[in-house]
Amino acid sequence: MAQYLNEFDATMHLIQGKWKIMIMYELSESGPRRFGQLMSHIQDVSHKTLTNQLRELERDQLITRHDLTTAEPHVEYQLTGRGESIIPVLDAICEWGDTHIDPALMERNLCDE
């Protein structure tokens, strides 16, 4: 049995989630990021929700998680090639929103960050 209704459903399933697009944009713009850096950038996300969204993005092969064993062990996340390939799609959606949605209705303008 098919997992998705069609290609639109499949794509939307991968990026749905309140914070996934912000996570992907931050990784695209800034390169590899630690968990705390992502928390600081997104601001209103809870620890649990960010963890879950990162796990889903990793499961869907849009990001990778790297455990770094340096003097100060930490974890970094970065986009995969597959994740990078969806950024132009997200850019197009962002531009459409910038053009057609009243800025007063938006809490934050992600396209300009």
PDB file of N, CA and C in Angstrom:
ATOM      1  N   MET A   1       0.838  -1.188   0.000  1.00  0.00           N
ATOM      2  CA  MET A   1       0.000   0.000   0.000  1.00  0.00           C
ATOM      3  C   MET A   1       0.881   1.248   0.000  1.00  0.00           C
ATOM      4  N   ALA A   2       0.506   2.231  -0.793  1.00  0.00           N
ATOM      5  CA  ALA A   2       1.270   3.474  -0.907  1.00  0.00           C
ATOM      6  C   ALA A   2       1.250   4.246   0.407  1.00  0.00           C
ATOM      7  N   GLN A   3       2.356   4.902   0.703  1.00  0.00           N
ATOM      8  CA  GLN A   3       2.464   5.685   1.936  1.00  0.00           C
ATOM      9  C   GLN A   3       1.922   7.099   1.754  1.00  0.00           C
ATOM     10  N   TYR A   4       1.968   7.614   0.526  1.00  0.00           N
ATOM     11  CA  TYR A   4       1.537   8.981   0.249  1.00  0.00           C
ATOM     12  C   TYR A   4       0.451   8.984  -0.822  1.00  0.00           C
ATOM     13  N   LEU A   5      -0.388   9.997  -0.807  1.00  0.00           N
ATOM     14  CA  LEU A   5      -1.439  10.123  -1.812  1.00  0.00           C
ATOM     15  C   LEU A   5      -0.869  10.483  -3.181  1.00  0.00           C
ATOM     16  N   ASN A   6       0.165  11.329  -3.188  1.00  0.00           N
ATOM     17  CA  ASN A   6       0.793  11.786  -4.434  1.00  0.00           C
ATOM     18  C   ASN A   6       2.095  12.500  -4.084  1.00  0.00           C
ATOM     19  N   GLU A   7       2.752  13.049  -5.101  1.00  0.00           N
ATOM     20  CA  GLU A   7       4.043  13.705  -4.877  1.00  0.00           C
ATOM     21  C   GLU A   7       3.923  14.963  -4.017  1.00  0.00           C
ATOM     22  N   PHE A   8       2.789  15.663  -4.111  1.00  0.00           N
ATOM     23  CA  PHE A   8       2.583  16.845  -3.266  1.00  0.00           C
ATOM     24  C   PHE A   8       2.464  16.436  -1.798  1.00  0.00           C
ATOM     25  N   ASP A   9       1.681  15.404  -1.562  1.00  0.00           N
ATOM     26  CA  ASP A   9       1.503  14.888  -0.203  1.00  0.00           C
ATOM     27  C   ASP A   9       2.842  14.426   0.369  1.00  0.00           C
ATOM     28  N   ALA A  10       3.638  13.755  -0.444  1.00  0.00           N
ATOM     29  CA  ALA A  10       4.945  13.260   0.012  1.00  0.00           C
ATOM     30  C   ALA A  10       5.858  14.420   0.405  1.00  0.00           C
ATOM     31  N   THR A  11       5.921  15.436  -0.438  1.00  0.00           N
ATOM     32  CA  THR A  11       6.782  16.588  -0.162  1.00  0.00           C
ATOM     33  C   THR A  11       6.315  17.341   1.078  1.00  0.00           C
ATOM     34  N   MET A  12       5.025  17.599   1.163  1.00  0.00           N
ATOM     35  CA  MET A  12       4.490  18.329   2.308  1.00  0.00           C
ATOM     36  C   MET A  12       4.676  17.543   3.600  1.00  0.00           C
ATOM     37  N   HIS A  13       4.573  16.236   3.517  1.00  0.00           N
ATOM     38  CA  HIS A  13       4.782  15.402   4.702  1.00  0.00           C
ATOM     39  C   HIS A  13       6.196  15.588   5.262  1.00  0.00           C
ATOM     40  N   LEU A  14       7.177  15.732   4.383  1.00  0.00           N
ATOM     41  CA  LEU A  14       8.567  15.880   4.822  1.00  0.00           C
ATOM     42  C   LEU A  14       8.837  17.218   5.494  1.00  0.00           C
ATOM     43  N   ILE A  15       8.126  18.269   5.088  1.00  0.00           N
ATOM     44  CA  ILE A  15       8.429  19.599   5.625  1.00  0.00           C
ATOM     45  C   ILE A  15       7.364  20.108   6.595  1.00  0.00           C
ATOM     46  N   GLN A  16       6.293  19.336   6.796  1.00  0.00           N
ATOM     47  CA  GLN A  16       5.261  19.800   7.732  1.00  0.00           C
ATOM     48  C   GLN A  16       5.793  19.748   9.158  1.00  0.00           C
ATOM     49  N   GLY A  17       5.335  20.653   9.933  1.00  0.00           N
ATOM     50  CA  GLY A  17       5.812  20.801  11.309  1.00  0.00           C
ATOM     51  C   GLY A  17       6.130  22.261  11.514  1.00  0.00           C
ATOM     52  N   LYS A  18       5.738  22.781  12.638  1.00  0.00           N
ATOM     53  CA  LYS A  18       5.834  24.217  12.887  1.00  0.00           C
ATOM     54  C   LYS A  18       7.248  24.771  12.722  1.00  0.00           C
ATOM     55  N   TRP A  19       8.269  23.980  13.024  1.00  0.00           N
ATOM     56  CA  TRP A  19       9.633  24.511  13.071  1.00  0.00           C
ATOM     57  C   TRP A  19      10.565  23.944  12.000  1.00  0.00           C
ATOM     58  N   LYS A  20      10.148  22.954  11.248  1.00  0.00           N
ATOM     59  CA  LYS A  20      11.058  22.296  10.306  1.00  0.00           C
ATOM     60  C   LYS A  20      11.634  23.251   9.269  1.00  0.00           C
ATOM     61  N   ILE A  21      10.802  24.106   8.721  1.00  0.00           N
ATOM     62  CA  ILE A  21      11.297  25.028   7.695  1.00  0.00           C
ATOM     63  C   ILE A  21      12.296  26.004   8.303  1.00  0.00           C
ATOM     64  N   MET A  22      12.023  26.484   9.515  1.00  0.00           N
ATOM     65  CA  MET A  22      12.968  27.395  10.176  1.00  0.00           C
ATOM     66  C   MET A  22      14.298  26.695  10.448  1.00  0.00           C
ATOM     67  N   ILE A  23      14.229  25.439  10.860  1.00  0.00           N
ATOM     68  CA  ILE A  23      15.453  24.664  11.102  1.00  0.00           C
ATOM     69  C   ILE A  23      16.241  24.542   9.808  1.00  0.00           C
ATOM     70  N   MET A  24      15.559  24.183   8.742  1.00  0.00           N
ATOM     71  CA  MET A  24      16.241  23.984   7.467  1.00  0.00           C
ATOM     72  C   MET A  24      16.832  25.286   6.937  1.00  0.00           C
ATOM     73  N   TYR A  25      16.089  26.388   7.070  1.00  0.00           N
ATOM     74  CA  TYR A  25      16.620  27.677   6.639  1.00  0.00           C
ATOM     75  C   TYR A  25      17.850  28.075   7.448  1.00  0.00           C
ATOM     76  N   GLU A  26      17.821  27.873   8.735  1.00  0.00           N
ATOM     77  CA  GLU A  26      18.965  28.220   9.576  1.00  0.00           C
ATOM     78  C   GLU A  26      20.192  27.402   9.171  1.00  0.00           C
ATOM     79  N   LEU A  27      20.016  26.119   8.926  1.00  0.00           N
ATOM     80  CA  LEU A  27      21.135  25.277   8.512  1.00  0.00           C
ATOM     81  C   LEU A  27      21.622  25.655   7.119  1.00  0.00           C
ATOM     82  N   SER A  28      20.708  26.061   6.258  1.00  0.00           N
ATOM     83  CA  SER A  28      21.084  26.472   4.909  1.00  0.00           C
ATOM     84  C   SER A  28      21.876  27.778   4.927  1.00  0.00           C
ATOM     85  N   GLU A  29      21.423  28.720   5.723  1.00  0.00           N
ATOM     86  CA  GLU A  29      22.059  30.043   5.782  1.00  0.00           C
ATOM     87  C   GLU A  29      23.362  30.048   6.573  1.00  0.00           C
ATOM     88  N   SER A  30      23.409  29.271   7.656  1.00  0.00           N
ATOM     89  CA  SER A  30      24.525  29.377   8.598  1.00  0.00           C
ATOM     90  C   SER A  30      25.441  28.164   8.644  1.00  0.00           C
ATOM     91  N   GLY A  31      25.081  27.104   7.948  1.00  0.00           N
ATOM     92  CA  GLY A  31      25.898  25.897   8.002  1.00  0.00           C
ATOM     93  C   GLY A  31      25.601  25.081   9.245  1.00  0.00           C
ATOM     94  N   PRO A  32      26.487  24.148   9.576  1.00  0.00           N
ATOM     95  CA  PRO A  32      26.247  23.278  10.733  1.00  0.00           C
ATOM     96  C   PRO A  32      25.972  24.078  11.999  1.00  0.00           C
ATOM     97  N   ARG A  33      25.004  23.606  12.776  1.00  0.00           N
ATOM     98  CA  ARG A  33      24.614  24.283  14.002  1.00  0.00           C
ATOM     99  C   ARG A  33      24.444  23.289  15.134  1.00  0.00           C
ATOM    100  N   ARG A  34      24.776  23.755  16.335  1.00  0.00           N
ATOM    101  CA  ARG A  34      24.526  22.972  17.536  1.00  0.00           C
ATOM    102  C   ARG A  34      23.065  23.124  17.939  1.00  0.00           C
ATOM    103  N   PHE A  35      22.615  22.209  18.768  1.00  0.00           N
ATOM    104  CA  PHE A  35      21.243  22.224  19.258  1.00  0.00           C
ATOM    105  C   PHE A  35      20.908  23.569  19.911  1.00  0.00           C
ATOM    106  N   GLY A  36      21.774  24.036  20.788  1.00  0.00           N
ATOM    107  CA  GLY A  36      21.544  25.299  21.492  1.00  0.00           C
ATOM    108  C   GLY A  36      21.468  26.491  20.556  1.00  0.00           C
ATOM    109  N   GLN A  37      22.259  26.474  19.495  1.00  0.00           N
ATOM    110  CA  GLN A  37      22.208  27.557  18.519  1.00  0.00           C
ATOM    111  C   GLN A  37      20.864  27.567  17.793  1.00  0.00           C
ATOM    112  N   LEU A  38      20.360  26.375  17.490  1.00  0.00           N
ATOM    113  CA  LEU A  38      19.049  26.283  16.852  1.00  0.00           C
ATOM    114  C   LEU A  38      17.961  26.777  17.802  1.00  0.00           C
ATOM    115  N   MET A  39      18.050  26.400  19.080  1.00  0.00           N
ATOM    116  CA  MET A  39      17.081  26.862  20.087  1.00  0.00           C
ATOM    117  C   MET A  39      17.090  28.385  20.161  1.00  0.00           C
ATOM    118  N   SER A  40      18.256  28.981  20.166  1.00  0.00           N
ATOM    119  CA  SER A  40      18.369  30.442  20.255  1.00  0.00           C
ATOM    120  C   SER A  40      17.779  31.131  19.039  1.00  0.00           C
ATOM    121  N   HIS A  41      18.024  30.579  17.869  1.00  0.00           N
ATOM    122  CA  HIS A  41      17.525  31.190  16.636  1.00  0.00           C
ATOM    123  C   HIS A  41      16.004  31.096  16.540  1.00  0.00           C
ATOM    124  N   ILE A  42      15.466  29.946  16.877  1.00  0.00           N
ATOM    125  CA  ILE A  42      14.027  29.734  16.729  1.00  0.00           C
ATOM    126  C   ILE A  42      13.256  30.404  17.863  1.00  0.00           C
ATOM    127  N   GLN A  43      13.821  30.495  19.018  1.00  0.00           N
ATOM    128  CA  GLN A  43      13.308  31.213  20.192  1.00  0.00           C
ATOM    129  C   GLN A  43      12.135  30.544  20.901  1.00  0.00           C
ATOM    130  N   ASP A  44      10.999  30.382  20.265  1.00  0.00           N
ATOM    131  CA  ASP A  44       9.801  29.931  20.968  1.00  0.00           C
ATOM    132  C   ASP A  44       9.612  28.415  20.993  1.00  0.00           C
ATOM    133  N   VAL A  45      10.513  27.654  20.433  1.00  0.00           N
ATOM    134  CA  VAL A  45      10.362  26.204  20.379  1.00  0.00           C
ATOM    135  C   VAL A  45      10.778  25.583  21.713  1.00  0.00           C
ATOM    136  N   SER A  46      10.062  24.540  22.115  1.00  0.00           N
ATOM    137  CA  SER A  46      10.450  23.828  23.335  1.00  0.00           C
ATOM    138  C   SER A  46      11.564  22.833  23.008  1.00  0.00           C
ATOM    139  N   HIS A  47      12.295  22.443  24.038  1.00  0.00           N
ATOM    140  CA  HIS A  47      13.384  21.479  23.895  1.00  0.00           C
ATOM    141  C   HIS A  47      12.854  20.185  23.271  1.00  0.00           C
ATOM    142  N   LYS A  48      11.754  19.693  23.791  1.00  0.00           N
ATOM    143  CA  LYS A  48      11.168  18.439  23.313  1.00  0.00           C
ATOM    144  C   LYS A  48      10.735  18.534  21.849  1.00  0.00           C
ATOM    145  N   THR A  49      10.081  19.628  21.493  1.00  0.00           N
ATOM    146  CA  THR A  49       9.608  19.792  20.115  1.00  0.00           C
ATOM    147  C   THR A  49      10.771  19.895  19.146  1.00  0.00           C
ATOM    148  N   LEU A  50      11.795  20.676  19.498  1.00  0.00           N
ATOM    149  CA  LEU A  50      12.960  20.790  18.618  1.00  0.00           C
ATOM    150  C   LEU A  50      13.615  19.428  18.449  1.00  0.00           C
ATOM    151  N   THR A  51      13.754  18.691  19.525  1.00  0.00           N
ATOM    152  CA  THR A  51      14.332  17.341  19.449  1.00  0.00           C
ATOM    153  C   THR A  51      13.526  16.465  18.496  1.00  0.00           C
ATOM    154  N   ASN A  52      12.210  16.494  18.627  1.00  0.00           N
ATOM    155  CA  ASN A  52      11.354  15.672  17.757  1.00  0.00           C
ATOM    156  C   ASN A  52      11.448  16.091  16.295  1.00  0.00           C
ATOM    157  N   GLN A  53      11.454  17.401  16.036  1.00  0.00           N
ATOM    158  CA  GLN A  53      11.534  17.883  14.655  1.00  0.00           C
ATOM    159  C   GLN A  53      12.886  17.518  14.037  1.00  0.00           C
ATOM    160  N   LEU A  54      13.963  17.641  14.814  1.00  0.00           N
ATOM    161  CA  LEU A  54      15.285  17.256  14.317  1.00  0.00           C
ATOM    162  C   LEU A  54      15.335  15.761  14.013  1.00  0.00           C
ATOM    163  N   ARG A  55      14.760  14.954  14.860  1.00  0.00           N
ATOM    164  CA  ARG A  55      14.729  13.501  14.623  1.00  0.00           C
ATOM    165  C   ARG A  55      13.968  13.159  13.349  1.00  0.00           C
ATOM    166  N   GLU A  56      12.838  13.843  13.131  1.00  0.00           N
ATOM    167  CA  GLU A  56      12.058  13.589  11.925  1.00  0.00           C
ATOM    168  C   GLU A  56      12.822  14.023  10.676  1.00  0.00           C
ATOM    169  N   LEU A  57      13.461  15.178  10.729  1.00  0.00           N
ATOM    170  CA  LEU A  57      14.261  15.630   9.587  1.00  0.00           C
ATOM    171  C   LEU A  57      15.414  14.674   9.307  1.00  0.00           C
ATOM    172  N   GLU A  58      16.007  14.153  10.368  1.00  0.00           N
ATOM    173  CA  GLU A  58      17.094  13.183  10.210  1.00  0.00           C
ATOM    174  C   GLU A  58      16.557  11.872   9.634  1.00  0.00           C
ATOM    175  N   ARG A  59      15.443  11.405  10.155  1.00  0.00           N
ATOM    176  CA  ARG A  59      14.812  10.176   9.658  1.00  0.00           C
ATOM    177  C   ARG A  59      14.488  10.286   8.167  1.00  0.00           C
ATOM    178  N   ASP A  60      14.050  11.478   7.748  1.00  0.00           N
ATOM    179  CA  ASP A  60      13.681  11.702   6.352  1.00  0.00           C
ATOM    180  C   ASP A  60      14.874  12.091   5.484  1.00  0.00           C
ATOM    181  N   GLN A  61      16.061  12.010   6.052  1.00  0.00           N
ATOM    182  CA  GLN A  61      17.330  12.249   5.361  1.00  0.00           C
ATOM    183  C   GLN A  61      17.463  13.664   4.794  1.00  0.00           C
ATOM    184  N   LEU A  62      16.867  14.630   5.507  1.00  0.00           N
ATOM    185  CA  LEU A  62      17.003  16.025   5.123  1.00  0.00           C
ATOM    186  C   LEU A  62      18.126  16.711   5.888  1.00  0.00           C
ATOM    187  N   ILE A  63      18.479  16.168   7.058  1.00  0.00           N
ATOM    188  CA  ILE A  63      19.609  16.666   7.838  1.00  0.00           C
ATOM    189  C   ILE A  63      20.417  15.468   8.345  1.00  0.00           C
ATOM    190  N   THR A  64      21.646  15.755   8.760  1.00  0.00           N
ATOM    191  CA  THR A  64      22.452  14.735   9.429  1.00  0.00           C
ATOM    192  C   THR A  64      22.829  15.261  10.808  1.00  0.00           C
ATOM    193  N   ARG A  65      23.063  14.333  11.692  1.00  0.00           N
ATOM    194  CA  ARG A  65      23.468  14.631  13.069  1.00  0.00           C
ATOM    195  C   ARG A  65      24.877  14.103  13.236  1.00  0.00           C
ATOM    196  N   HIS A  66      25.785  14.964  13.677  1.00  0.00           N
ATOM    197  CA  HIS A  66      27.177  14.570  13.877  1.00  0.00           C
ATOM    198  C   HIS A  66      27.547  14.706  15.343  1.00  0.00           C
ATOM    199  N   ASP A  67      27.969  13.599  15.941  1.00  0.00           N
ATOM    200  CA  ASP A  67      28.484  13.627  17.311  1.00  0.00           C
ATOM    201  C   ASP A  67      29.964  13.953  17.234  1.00  0.00           C
ATOM    202  N   LEU A  68      30.354  15.078  17.810  1.00  0.00           N
ATOM    203  CA  LEU A  68      31.751  15.509  17.773  1.00  0.00           C
ATOM    204  C   LEU A  68      32.388  15.274  19.134  1.00  0.00           C
ATOM    205  N   THR A  69      33.449  14.514  19.136  1.00  0.00           N
ATOM    206  CA  THR A  69      34.148  14.209  20.388  1.00  0.00           C
ATOM    207  C   THR A  69      35.428  15.031  20.449  1.00  0.00           C
ATOM    208  N   THR A  70      35.236  16.304  20.745  1.00  0.00           N
ATOM    209  CA  THR A  70      36.368  17.215  20.904  1.00  0.00           C
ATOM    210  C   THR A  70      36.591  17.419  22.398  1.00  0.00           C
ATOM    211  N   ALA A  71      37.370  18.411  22.752  1.00  0.00           N
ATOM    212  CA  ALA A  71      37.582  18.707  24.172  1.00  0.00           C
ATOM    213  C   ALA A  71      36.241  18.988  24.854  1.00  0.00           C
ATOM    214  N   GLU A  72      35.334  19.568  24.107  1.00  0.00           N
ATOM    215  CA  GLU A  72      33.972  19.814  24.587  1.00  0.00           C
ATOM    216  C   GLU A  72      33.009  19.058  23.666  1.00  0.00           C
ATOM    217  N   PRO A  73      32.668  17.807  23.999  1.00  0.00           N
ATOM    218  CA  PRO A  73      31.800  17.010  23.121  1.00  0.00           C
ATOM    219  C   PRO A  73      30.462  17.699  22.866  1.00  0.00           C
ATOM    220  N   HIS A  74      30.016  17.655  21.620  1.00  0.00           N
ATOM    221  CA  HIS A  74      28.734  18.242  21.263  1.00  0.00           C
ATOM    222  C   HIS A  74      28.209  17.604  19.984  1.00  0.00           C
ATOM    223  N   VAL A  75      26.996  17.971  19.650  1.00  0.00           N
ATOM    224  CA  VAL A  75      26.326  17.463  18.458  1.00  0.00           C
ATOM    225  C   VAL A  75      26.075  18.632  17.519  1.00  0.00           C
ATOM    226  N   GLU A  76      26.296  18.411  16.232  1.00  0.00           N
ATOM    227  CA  GLU A  76      25.981  19.417  15.223  1.00  0.00           C
ATOM    228  C   GLU A  76      25.039  18.810  14.194  1.00  0.00           C
ATOM    229  N   TYR A  77      24.181  19.668  13.651  1.00  0.00           N
ATOM    230  CA  TYR A  77      23.246  19.265  12.606  1.00  0.00           C
ATOM    231  C   TYR A  77      23.571  20.045  11.343  1.00  0.00           C
ATOM    232  N   GLN A  78      23.406  19.386  10.192  1.00  0.00           N
ATOM    233  CA  GLN A  78      23.584  20.082   8.928  1.00  0.00           C
ATOM    234  C   GLN A  78      22.686  19.461   7.873  1.00  0.00           C
ATOM    235  N   LEU A  79      22.403  20.252   6.837  1.00  0.00           N
ATOM    236  CA  LEU A  79      21.571  19.754   5.748  1.00  0.00           C
ATOM    237  C   LEU A  79      22.314  18.698   4.944  1.00  0.00           C
ATOM    238  N   THR A  80      21.582  17.735   4.458  1.00  0.00           N
ATOM    239  CA  THR A  80      22.127  16.765   3.509  1.00  0.00           C
ATOM    240  C   THR A  80      21.943  17.336   2.103  1.00  0.00           C
ATOM    241  N   GLY A  81      22.438  16.646   1.108  1.00  0.00           N
ATOM    242  CA  GLY A  81      22.189  17.051  -0.274  1.00  0.00           C
ATOM    243  C   GLY A  81      20.697  17.074  -0.567  1.00  0.00           C
ATOM    244  N   ARG A  82      19.991  16.114  -0.038  1.00  0.00           N
ATOM    245  CA  ARG A  82      18.536  16.052  -0.210  1.00  0.00           C
ATOM    246  C   ARG A  82      17.877  17.265   0.446  1.00  0.00           C
ATOM    247  N   GLY A  83      18.353  17.630   1.630  1.00  0.00           N
ATOM    248  CA  GLY A  83      17.826  18.806   2.319  1.00  0.00           C
ATOM    249  C   GLY A  83      18.118  20.086   1.553  1.00  0.00           C
ATOM    250  N   GLU A  84      19.330  20.204   1.034  1.00  0.00           N
ATOM    251  CA  GLU A  84      19.707  21.381   0.233  1.00  0.00           C
ATOM    252  C   GLU A  84      18.822  21.506  -1.000  1.00  0.00           C
ATOM    253  N   SER A  85      18.450  20.362  -1.574  1.00  0.00           N
ATOM    254  CA  SER A  85      17.674  20.388  -2.819  1.00  0.00           C
ATOM    255  C   SER A  85      16.262  20.926  -2.625  1.00  0.00           C
ATOM    256  N   ILE A  86      15.755  20.951  -1.405  1.00  0.00           N
ATOM    257  CA  ILE A  86      14.399  21.472  -1.174  1.00  0.00           C
ATOM    258  C   ILE A  86      14.395  22.966  -0.852  1.00  0.00           C
ATOM    259  N   ILE A  87      15.552  23.553  -0.599  1.00  0.00           N
ATOM    260  CA  ILE A  87      15.631  24.975  -0.255  1.00  0.00           C
ATOM    261  C   ILE A  87      15.057  25.866  -1.360  1.00  0.00           C
ATOM    262  N   PRO A  88      15.332  25.624  -2.650  1.00  0.00           N
ATOM    263  CA  PRO A  88      14.706  26.473  -3.680  1.00  0.00           C
ATOM    264  C   PRO A  88      13.174  26.405  -3.662  1.00  0.00           C
ATOM    265  N   VAL A  89      12.625  25.264  -3.302  1.00  0.00           N
ATOM    266  CA  VAL A  89      11.167  25.128  -3.175  1.00  0.00           C
ATOM    267  C   VAL A  89      10.682  25.999  -2.023  1.00  0.00           C
ATOM    268  N   LEU A  90      11.381  25.946  -0.896  1.00  0.00           N
ATOM    269  CA  LEU A  90      11.016  26.759   0.262  1.00  0.00           C
ATOM    270  C   LEU A  90      11.176  28.243  -0.047  1.00  0.00           C
ATOM    271  N   ASP A  91      12.217  28.601  -0.814  1.00  0.00           N
ATOM    272  CA  ASP A  91      12.409  29.996  -1.222  1.00  0.00           C
ATOM    273  C   ASP A  91      11.219  30.487  -2.044  1.00  0.00           C
ATOM    274  N   ALA A  92      10.740  29.648  -2.961  1.00  0.00           N
ATOM    275  CA  ALA A  92       9.599  30.030  -3.798  1.00  0.00           C
ATOM    276  C   ALA A  92       8.345  30.243  -2.944  1.00  0.00           C
ATOM    277  N   ILE A  93       8.127  29.373  -1.968  1.00  0.00           N
ATOM    278  CA  ILE A  93       6.978  29.523  -1.066  1.00  0.00           C
ATOM    279  C   ILE A  93       7.120  30.807  -0.259  1.00  0.00           C
ATOM    280  N   CYS A  94       8.326  31.087   0.215  1.00  0.00           N
ATOM    281  CA  CYS A  94       8.602  32.287   1.008  1.00  0.00           C
ATOM    282  C   CYS A  94       8.334  33.550   0.171  1.00  0.00           C
ATOM    283  N   GLU A  95       8.811  33.558  -1.052  1.00  0.00           N
ATOM    284  CA  GLU A  95       8.608  34.709  -1.929  1.00  0.00           C
ATOM    285  C   GLU A  95       7.127  34.925  -2.222  1.00  0.00           C
ATOM    286  N   TRP A  96       6.396  33.834  -2.433  1.00  0.00           N
ATOM    287  CA  TRP A  96       4.964  33.953  -2.676  1.00  0.00           C
ATOM    288  C   TRP A  96       4.290  34.574  -1.463  1.00  0.00           C
ATOM    289  N   GLY A  97       4.639  34.117  -0.269  1.00  0.00           N
ATOM    290  CA  GLY A  97       4.069  34.673   0.952  1.00  0.00           C
ATOM    291  C   GLY A  97       4.405  36.144   1.123  1.00  0.00           C
ATOM    292  N   ASP A  98       5.646  36.516   0.804  1.00  0.00           N
ATOM    293  CA  ASP A  98       6.061  37.919   0.883  1.00  0.00           C
ATOM    294  C   ASP A  98       5.218  38.802  -0.037  1.00  0.00           C
ATOM    295  N   THR A  99       4.886  38.274  -1.196  1.00  0.00           N
ATOM    296  CA  THR A  99       4.142  39.027  -2.201  1.00  0.00           C
ATOM    297  C   THR A  99       2.649  39.090  -1.905  1.00  0.00           C
ATOM    298  N   HIS A 100       2.093  38.006  -1.371  1.00  0.00           N
ATOM    299  CA  HIS A 100       0.636  37.897  -1.293  1.00  0.00           C
ATOM    300  C   HIS A 100       0.024  37.949   0.109  1.00  0.00           C
ATOM    301  N   ILE A 101       0.839  37.973   1.145  1.00  0.00           N
ATOM    302  CA  ILE A 101       0.313  37.988   2.506  1.00  0.00           C
ATOM    303  C   ILE A 101       0.688  39.309   3.185  1.00  0.00           C
ATOM    304  N   ASP A 102      -0.266  39.918   3.846  1.00  0.00           N
ATOM    305  CA  ASP A 102      -0.033  41.179   4.559  1.00  0.00           C
ATOM    306  C   ASP A 102       0.998  40.952   5.665  1.00  0.00           C
ATOM    307  N   PRO A 103       2.105  41.693   5.645  1.00  0.00           N
ATOM    308  CA  PRO A 103       3.150  41.520   6.669  1.00  0.00           C
ATOM    309  C   PRO A 103       2.631  41.694   8.096  1.00  0.00           C
ATOM    310  N   ALA A 104       1.574  42.470   8.275  1.00  0.00           N
ATOM    311  CA  ALA A 104       1.018  42.682   9.609  1.00  0.00           C
ATOM    312  C   ALA A 104       0.422  41.396  10.179  1.00  0.00           C
ATOM    313  N   LEU A 105       0.126  40.433   9.321  1.00  0.00           N
ATOM    314  CA  LEU A 105      -0.445  39.160   9.758  1.00  0.00           C
ATOM    315  C   LEU A 105       0.623  38.147  10.160  1.00  0.00           C
ATOM    316  N   MET A 106       1.895  38.491   9.913  1.00  0.00           N
ATOM    317  CA  MET A 106       2.983  37.560  10.203  1.00  0.00           C
ATOM    318  C   MET A 106       3.738  37.988  11.452  1.00  0.00           C
ATOM    319  N   GLU A 107       4.010  37.011  12.302  1.00  0.00           N
ATOM    320  CA  GLU A 107       4.774  37.257  13.518  1.00  0.00           C
ATOM    321  C   GLU A 107       6.242  37.507  13.197  1.00  0.00           C
ATOM    322  N   ARG A 108       6.732  36.850  12.155  1.00  0.00           N
ATOM    323  CA  ARG A 108       8.153  36.899  11.818  1.00  0.00           C
ATOM    324  C   ARG A 108       8.294  36.733  10.307  1.00  0.00           C
ATOM    325  N   ASN A 109       9.251  37.428   9.714  1.00  0.00           N
ATOM    326  CA  ASN A 109       9.502  37.309   8.288  1.00  0.00           C
ATOM    327  C   ASN A 109      10.778  36.496   8.087  1.00  0.00           C
ATOM    328  N   LEU A 110      10.621  35.232   7.814  1.00  0.00           N
ATOM    329  CA  LEU A 110      11.749  34.311   7.682  1.00  0.00           C
ATOM    330  C   LEU A 110      12.575  34.586   6.437  1.00  0.00           C
ATOM    331  N   CYS A 111      11.942  35.076   5.376  1.00  0.00           N
ATOM    332  CA  CYS A 111      12.662  35.311   4.117  1.00  0.00           C
ATOM    333  C   CYS A 111      13.764  36.345   4.261  1.00  0.00           C
ATOM    334  N   ASP A 112      13.571  37.288   5.149  1.00  0.00           N
ATOM    335  CA  ASP A 112      14.552  38.381   5.289  1.00  0.00           C
ATOM    336  C   ASP A 112      15.629  38.115   6.319  1.00  0.00           C
ATOM    337  N   GLU A 113      15.580  36.966   6.996  1.00  0.00           N
ATOM    338  CA  GLU A 113      16.583  36.687   8.039  1.00  0.00           C
ATOM    339  C   GLU A 113      17.871  36.189   7.435  1.00  0.00           C
TER     340      GLU A 113
END
